[in-house]
Amino acid sequence: MKVQSTARVALLLMLPWLAACNSNPSRQDIGMMSGAVVGGIVGSTVTGGSTVGTVGGAAAGSYIGNRIAKEMK
């Protein structure tokens, strides 16, 4: 249950960033945001719902998603 609430909070926190985009997001933007969501969920799950684990997972996922999208060009 705690993982679901963490995922919801992560998605709600990302909505302003997504809404602030004036143009279509680039492939890197999509990769970064997708990686952040997946990384946050994985980090939360692995650490038992720890805030540090969630934030660390989101940061790592964001970086990895950005790098993967950059390589796919």
C-alpha atoms as a PDB file:
ATOM      1  CA  MET A   1       0.000   0.000   0.000  1.00  0.00           C
ATOM      2  CA  LYS A   2       2.856   2.342   0.796  1.00  0.00           C
ATOM      3  CA  VAL A   3       4.375   1.796  -2.664  1.00  0.00           C
ATOM      4  CA  GLN A   4       1.128   2.825  -4.334  1.00  0.00           C
ATOM      5  CA  SER A   5       0.909   6.024  -2.318  1.00  0.00           C
ATOM      6  CA  THR A   6       4.556   6.814  -3.084  1.00  0.00           C
ATOM      7  CA  ALA A   7       3.917   6.321  -6.790  1.00  0.00           C
ATOM      8  CA  ARG A   8       0.900   8.611  -6.637  1.00  0.00           C
ATOM      9  CA  VAL A   9       2.879  11.316  -4.874  1.00  0.00           C
ATOM     10  CA  ALA A  10       5.662  11.035  -7.462  1.00  0.00           C
ATOM     11  CA  LEU A  11       3.181  11.383 -10.300  1.00  0.00           C
ATOM     12  CA  LEU A  12       1.463  14.363  -8.670  1.00  0.00           C
ATOM     13  CA  LEU A  13       4.795  16.098  -8.138  1.00  0.00           C
ATOM     14  CA  MET A  14       5.685  15.648 -11.792  1.00  0.00           C
ATOM     15  CA  LEU A  15       2.450  17.092 -13.183  1.00  0.00           C
ATOM     16  CA  PRO A  16       3.530  20.763 -12.951  1.00  0.00           C
ATOM     17  CA  TRP A  17       6.715  19.976 -14.891  1.00  0.00           C
ATOM     18  CA  LEU A  18       4.736  18.243 -17.595  1.00  0.00           C
ATOM     19  CA  ALA A  19       2.134  21.003 -17.732  1.00  0.00           C
ATOM     20  CA  ALA A  20       4.818  23.685 -18.001  1.00  0.00           C
ATOM     21  CA  CYS A  21       6.032  22.380 -21.339  1.00  0.00           C
ATOM     22  CA  ASN A  22       5.149  24.850 -24.081  1.00  0.00           C
ATOM     23  CA  SER A  23       6.162  22.534 -26.889  1.00  0.00           C
ATOM     24  CA  ASN A  24       6.162  18.820 -27.482  1.00  0.00           C
ATOM     25  CA  PRO A  25       8.660  17.077 -25.228  1.00  0.00           C
ATOM     26  CA  SER A  26      11.794  15.737 -26.838  1.00  0.00           C
ATOM     27  CA  ARG A  27      12.786  12.093 -26.752  1.00  0.00           C
ATOM     28  CA  GLN A  28      15.249  12.917 -23.961  1.00  0.00           C
ATOM     29  CA  ASP A  29      12.534  14.634 -21.917  1.00  0.00           C
ATOM     30  CA  ILE A  30      10.272  11.611 -22.232  1.00  0.00           C
ATOM     31  CA  GLY A  31      13.108   9.248 -21.335  1.00  0.00           C
ATOM     32  CA  MET A  32      14.075  11.339 -18.342  1.00  0.00           C
ATOM     33  CA  MET A  33      10.534  11.547 -16.960  1.00  0.00           C
ATOM     34  CA  SER A  34       9.800   7.867 -17.593  1.00  0.00           C
ATOM     35  CA  GLY A  35      13.062   6.891 -15.944  1.00  0.00           C
ATOM     36  CA  ALA A  36      12.309   9.080 -12.942  1.00  0.00           C
ATOM     37  CA  VAL A  37       8.909   7.461 -12.415  1.00  0.00           C
ATOM     38  CA  VAL A  38      10.179   3.908 -12.815  1.00  0.00           C
ATOM     39  CA  GLY A  39      13.290   4.621 -10.735  1.00  0.00           C
ATOM     40  CA  GLY A  40      11.236   6.175  -7.954  1.00  0.00           C
ATOM     41  CA  ILE A  41       8.916   3.193  -7.803  1.00  0.00           C
ATOM     42  CA  VAL A  42      11.797   0.712  -7.854  1.00  0.00           C
ATOM     43  CA  GLY A  43      13.762   2.698  -5.264  1.00  0.00           C
ATOM     44  CA  SER A  44      10.749   2.845  -2.989  1.00  0.00           C
ATOM     45  CA  THR A  45      10.068  -0.856  -3.355  1.00  0.00           C
ATOM     46  CA  VAL A  46      13.665  -1.935  -2.775  1.00  0.00           C
ATOM     47  CA  THR A  47      14.088   0.229   0.334  1.00  0.00           C
ATOM     48  CA  GLY A  48      10.688  -0.540   1.833  1.00  0.00           C
ATOM     49  CA  GLY A  49       9.164   2.871   1.154  1.00  0.00           C
ATOM     50  CA  SER A  50      12.113   4.967   2.288  1.00  0.00           C
ATOM     51  CA  THR A  51      12.027   8.581   1.110  1.00  0.00           C
ATOM     52  CA  VAL A  52      15.754   8.527   0.449  1.00  0.00           C
ATOM     53  CA  GLY A  53      15.359   5.362  -1.616  1.00  0.00           C
ATOM     54  CA  THR A  54      12.497   6.872  -3.601  1.00  0.00           C
ATOM     55  CA  VAL A  55      14.335  10.102  -4.349  1.00  0.00           C
ATOM     56  CA  GLY A  56      17.577   8.277  -5.093  1.00  0.00           C
ATOM     57  CA  GLY A  57      15.795   5.862  -7.402  1.00  0.00           C
ATOM     58  CA  ALA A  58      14.059   8.714  -9.191  1.00  0.00           C
ATOM     59  CA  ALA A  59      17.345  10.559  -9.659  1.00  0.00           C
ATOM     60  CA  ALA A  60      19.132   7.470 -10.933  1.00  0.00           C
ATOM     61  CA  GLY A  61      16.214   6.547 -13.193  1.00  0.00           C
ATOM     62  CA  SER A  62      16.065  10.062 -14.576  1.00  0.00           C
ATOM     63  CA  TYR A  63      19.751   9.986 -15.447  1.00  0.00           C
ATOM     64  CA  ILE A  64      19.576   6.528 -16.984  1.00  0.00           C
ATOM     65  CA  GLY A  65      16.431   7.367 -18.974  1.00  0.00           C
ATOM     66  CA  ASN A  66      18.052  10.521 -20.288  1.00  0.00           C
ATOM     67  CA  ARG A  67      21.207   8.660 -21.361  1.00  0.00           C
ATOM     68  CA  ILE A  68      19.256   5.867 -23.052  1.00  0.00           C
ATOM     69  CA  ALA A  69      17.095   8.341 -24.969  1.00  0.00           C
ATOM     70  CA  LYS A  70      20.189  10.301 -26.007  1.00  0.00           C
ATOM     71  CA  GLU A  71      21.785   7.117 -27.384  1.00  0.00           C
ATOM     72  CA  MET A  72      18.635   6.223 -29.353  1.00  0.00           C
ATOM     73  CA  LYS A  73      18.902   9.265 -31.653  1.00  0.00           C
END
